[in-house]
Protein backbone atom coordinates (compact mmCIF):
# COMPACT_ATOMS: atom_id res chain seq x y z
CA MET A 1 24.39 27.84 -4.83
CA LYS A 2 22.28 24.76 -5.55
CA THR A 3 23.79 22.12 -7.84
CA ARG A 4 21.25 19.30 -8.00
CA GLY A 5 18.28 18.18 -5.99
CA PHE A 6 14.52 17.93 -5.68
CA GLU A 7 11.61 20.21 -4.88
CA ILE A 8 7.88 19.68 -4.46
CA ILE A 9 5.84 21.17 -7.31
CA SER A 10 3.49 23.96 -6.29
CA SER A 11 0.23 22.01 -6.74
CA TYR A 12 1.44 19.34 -4.26
CA LYS A 13 2.92 21.63 -1.57
CA GLU A 14 0.03 20.95 0.84
CA GLN A 15 -0.31 17.21 0.09
CA GLN A 16 2.42 15.69 2.27
CA VAL A 17 4.73 14.62 -0.54
CA ASN A 18 8.21 13.45 0.46
CA ILE A 19 11.41 14.59 -1.23
CA PRO A 20 13.25 11.56 -2.73
CA GLN A 21 15.95 10.13 -0.46
CA ARG A 22 18.63 7.47 -0.82
CA ALA A 23 17.97 4.42 1.37
CA THR A 24 21.64 3.86 2.29
CA LYS A 25 24.92 5.76 1.97
CA GLY A 26 25.99 3.38 -0.81
CA ALA A 27 22.75 3.73 -2.80
CA ALA A 28 23.01 5.43 -6.20
CA GLY A 29 19.29 6.03 -6.61
CA TYR A 30 16.90 8.38 -4.86
CA ASP A 31 13.61 6.64 -4.01
CA PHE A 32 10.51 8.28 -5.48
CA GLU A 33 7.06 7.78 -3.96
CA ALA A 34 3.60 7.94 -5.52
CA ALA A 35 1.94 11.29 -4.77
CA GLU A 36 -1.53 9.76 -4.97
CA THR A 37 -3.19 6.35 -5.04
CA VAL A 38 -3.39 4.92 -8.57
CA VAL A 39 -4.88 1.74 -10.06
CA ILE A 40 -2.86 0.14 -12.85
CA PRO A 41 -5.02 -2.24 -14.90
CA SER A 42 -3.70 -5.57 -16.15
CA ILE A 43 -2.73 -5.54 -19.82
CA TRP A 44 -4.50 -8.92 -20.07
CA GLN A 45 -7.75 -7.51 -18.67
CA GLN A 46 -7.47 -4.59 -21.09
CA GLN A 47 -6.93 -6.99 -23.99
CA ALA A 48 -9.90 -9.16 -22.94
CA LYS A 49 -12.07 -6.01 -23.11
CA GLY A 50 -10.77 -5.23 -26.60
CA GLN A 51 -8.67 -2.32 -25.34
CA ALA A 52 -5.08 -1.69 -26.30
CA PRO A 53 -2.73 -1.80 -23.30
CA LYS A 54 -1.96 1.75 -22.21
CA PRO A 55 0.68 2.92 -19.72
CA VAL A 56 -0.50 4.69 -16.57
CA LEU A 57 1.34 7.79 -15.39
CA VAL A 58 2.07 7.74 -11.66
CA LYS A 59 2.62 11.25 -10.36
CA THR A 60 5.32 12.01 -7.80
CA GLY A 61 4.63 15.67 -7.04
CA ILE A 62 8.38 16.22 -7.45
CA LYS A 63 10.60 18.20 -9.82
CA ALA A 64 14.39 17.98 -10.10
CA TYR A 65 17.02 20.61 -10.77
CA MET A 66 20.52 19.83 -11.98
CA ALA A 67 23.49 21.37 -13.73
CA GLU A 68 23.74 21.71 -17.48
CA GLY A 69 25.35 18.54 -18.85
CA GLU A 70 23.45 16.30 -16.41
CA TYR A 71 20.20 14.38 -16.52
CA LEU A 72 18.13 12.36 -14.07
CA GLU A 73 17.60 8.74 -15.11
CA LEU A 74 14.37 7.17 -13.85
CA VAL A 75 14.47 3.43 -13.29
CA SER A 76 12.06 0.92 -11.82
CA ARG A 77 12.59 -0.64 -8.42
CA SER A 78 13.96 -4.18 -8.73
CA SER A 79 10.94 -5.51 -6.81
CA ASN A 80 8.36 -4.03 -9.21
CA PRO A 81 8.43 -6.75 -11.90
CA LEU A 82 9.26 -9.59 -9.52
CA LYS A 83 6.63 -8.96 -6.85
CA ARG A 84 4.10 -6.59 -8.46
CA PHE A 85 4.25 -7.40 -12.20
CA LEU A 86 4.95 -3.74 -12.99
CA MET A 87 7.41 -2.45 -15.56
CA LEU A 88 8.31 0.98 -16.85
CA ALA A 89 6.64 1.27 -20.25
CA ASN A 90 9.56 3.29 -21.62
CA GLY A 91 12.31 1.12 -20.09
CA VAL A 92 13.96 4.11 -18.44
CA GLY A 93 12.92 7.72 -18.11
CA VAL A 94 15.18 10.64 -18.96
CA ILE A 95 14.63 13.95 -17.16
CA ASP A 96 16.60 16.68 -18.92
CA SER A 97 17.94 19.69 -17.03
CA ASP A 98 15.62 22.02 -18.99
CA TYR A 99 12.54 20.03 -17.88
CA TYR A 100 12.79 21.80 -14.50
CA ASN A 101 10.13 24.52 -14.12
CA ASN A 102 8.96 24.19 -17.74
CA GLU A 103 5.75 26.04 -18.68
CA GLY A 104 3.82 22.84 -19.44
CA ASN A 105 3.86 21.18 -16.00
CA GLU A 106 6.53 22.85 -13.82
CA GLY A 107 8.82 19.83 -14.37
CA HIS A 108 6.53 17.30 -12.67
CA ILE A 109 8.25 13.90 -12.67
CA MET A 110 5.99 10.94 -13.47
CA PHE A 111 6.71 7.24 -13.90
CA GLN A 112 4.80 5.38 -16.63
CA PHE A 113 3.90 1.80 -15.75
CA LEU A 114 2.43 -1.25 -17.46
CA ASN A 115 1.00 -4.10 -15.39
CA PHE A 116 1.76 -7.49 -16.97
CA GLY A 117 0.11 -9.41 -14.12
CA TYR A 118 -3.36 -10.94 -14.34
CA GLU A 119 -4.95 -8.64 -11.74
CA GLU A 120 -5.07 -4.87 -11.45
CA MET A 121 -2.42 -3.40 -9.17
CA VAL A 122 -3.03 -0.59 -6.71
CA ILE A 123 -0.17 1.76 -5.89
CA GLU A 124 -0.92 3.60 -2.67
CA LYS A 125 0.06 7.22 -2.00
CA GLY A 126 3.49 7.19 -0.37
CA GLU A 127 4.59 3.83 -1.83
CA ARG A 128 8.07 3.79 -3.35
CA ILE A 129 7.70 3.33 -7.10
CA GLY A 130 11.09 3.93 -8.67
CA GLN A 131 14.47 5.55 -8.39
CA GLY A 132 16.21 8.56 -9.87
CA ILE A 133 19.94 8.60 -10.55
CA PHE A 134 21.74 11.82 -11.50
CA LYS A 135 24.20 11.27 -14.37
CA PRO A 136 26.47 13.35 -16.61
CA PHE A 137 26.21 13.04 -20.38
CA LEU A 138 28.58 13.69 -23.29
CA LEU A 139 28.01 15.57 -26.54
CA ALA A 140 29.08 14.59 -30.04
CA ASP A 141 31.56 16.67 -32.02
CA GLU A 142 29.85 19.40 -34.05
CA ASP A 143 26.77 19.40 -31.76
CA THR A 144 25.18 22.82 -32.34
CA VAL A 145 21.61 22.49 -31.01
CA GLU A 146 20.15 25.88 -30.09
CA ASN A 147 16.47 24.90 -29.62
CA GLU A 148 14.77 25.61 -26.29
CA ARG A 149 12.19 23.43 -24.51
CA THR A 150 8.64 24.63 -25.18
CA GLY A 151 6.53 22.17 -23.19
CA GLY A 152 6.29 19.56 -20.48
CA PHE A 153 6.08 15.77 -20.44
CA GLY A 154 7.11 14.23 -23.78
CA SER A 155 7.40 17.61 -25.50
CA SER A 156 10.88 17.57 -27.05
CA GLY A 157 10.82 16.86 -30.78
CA LYS A 158 7.21 18.06 -31.21
CA LYS A 159 6.51 20.74 -33.78
C-alpha cells in the first residue's frame, strides 16, 4: 500500500520528467524540477511597460499522493532569491491530499514565481526550482467540514 510519494502526470509521461528526490539522507525536502523552459520577466520591466507584476507558474509535470491528515508544503530553494532574484509569490505553497488526481488538472504541482531582479530570468527544463516537504496537520475542535474538492489549482473556496 502506498503512503506518500510522487507520480508523473499523464500529459508529461513522455517528456522525461524526473520524480522529486532528496539530495541527501538528512534533507527534509524533495527537489522539484521545471518540466519545461520558462521565462520569468522582471517586475521592474513589467512596471516600466505599465503592466502590473504577475506571477509566472512553473510546471513540474508532477503530482503527489499522501495520507489524509497530511499536506505537501512547497518552498523555494534558498539560492533562488540570493542568486536568481526569484521568490515564491505566495510565500509557500500548500498541496492538500485531495488535490491528487483532481478533475481540473490531475493534481499538477506548479510553483508560482516573481522575479525581483532587473533582468528577465530563464528557468531551463530540468532545473531545480523548489522543494516539497510532507507534513502532518492538526484540526480544530468542532471541525465538521464535509465539502469535497471540485477543481484544480486555486479552486478551494470558489463558489
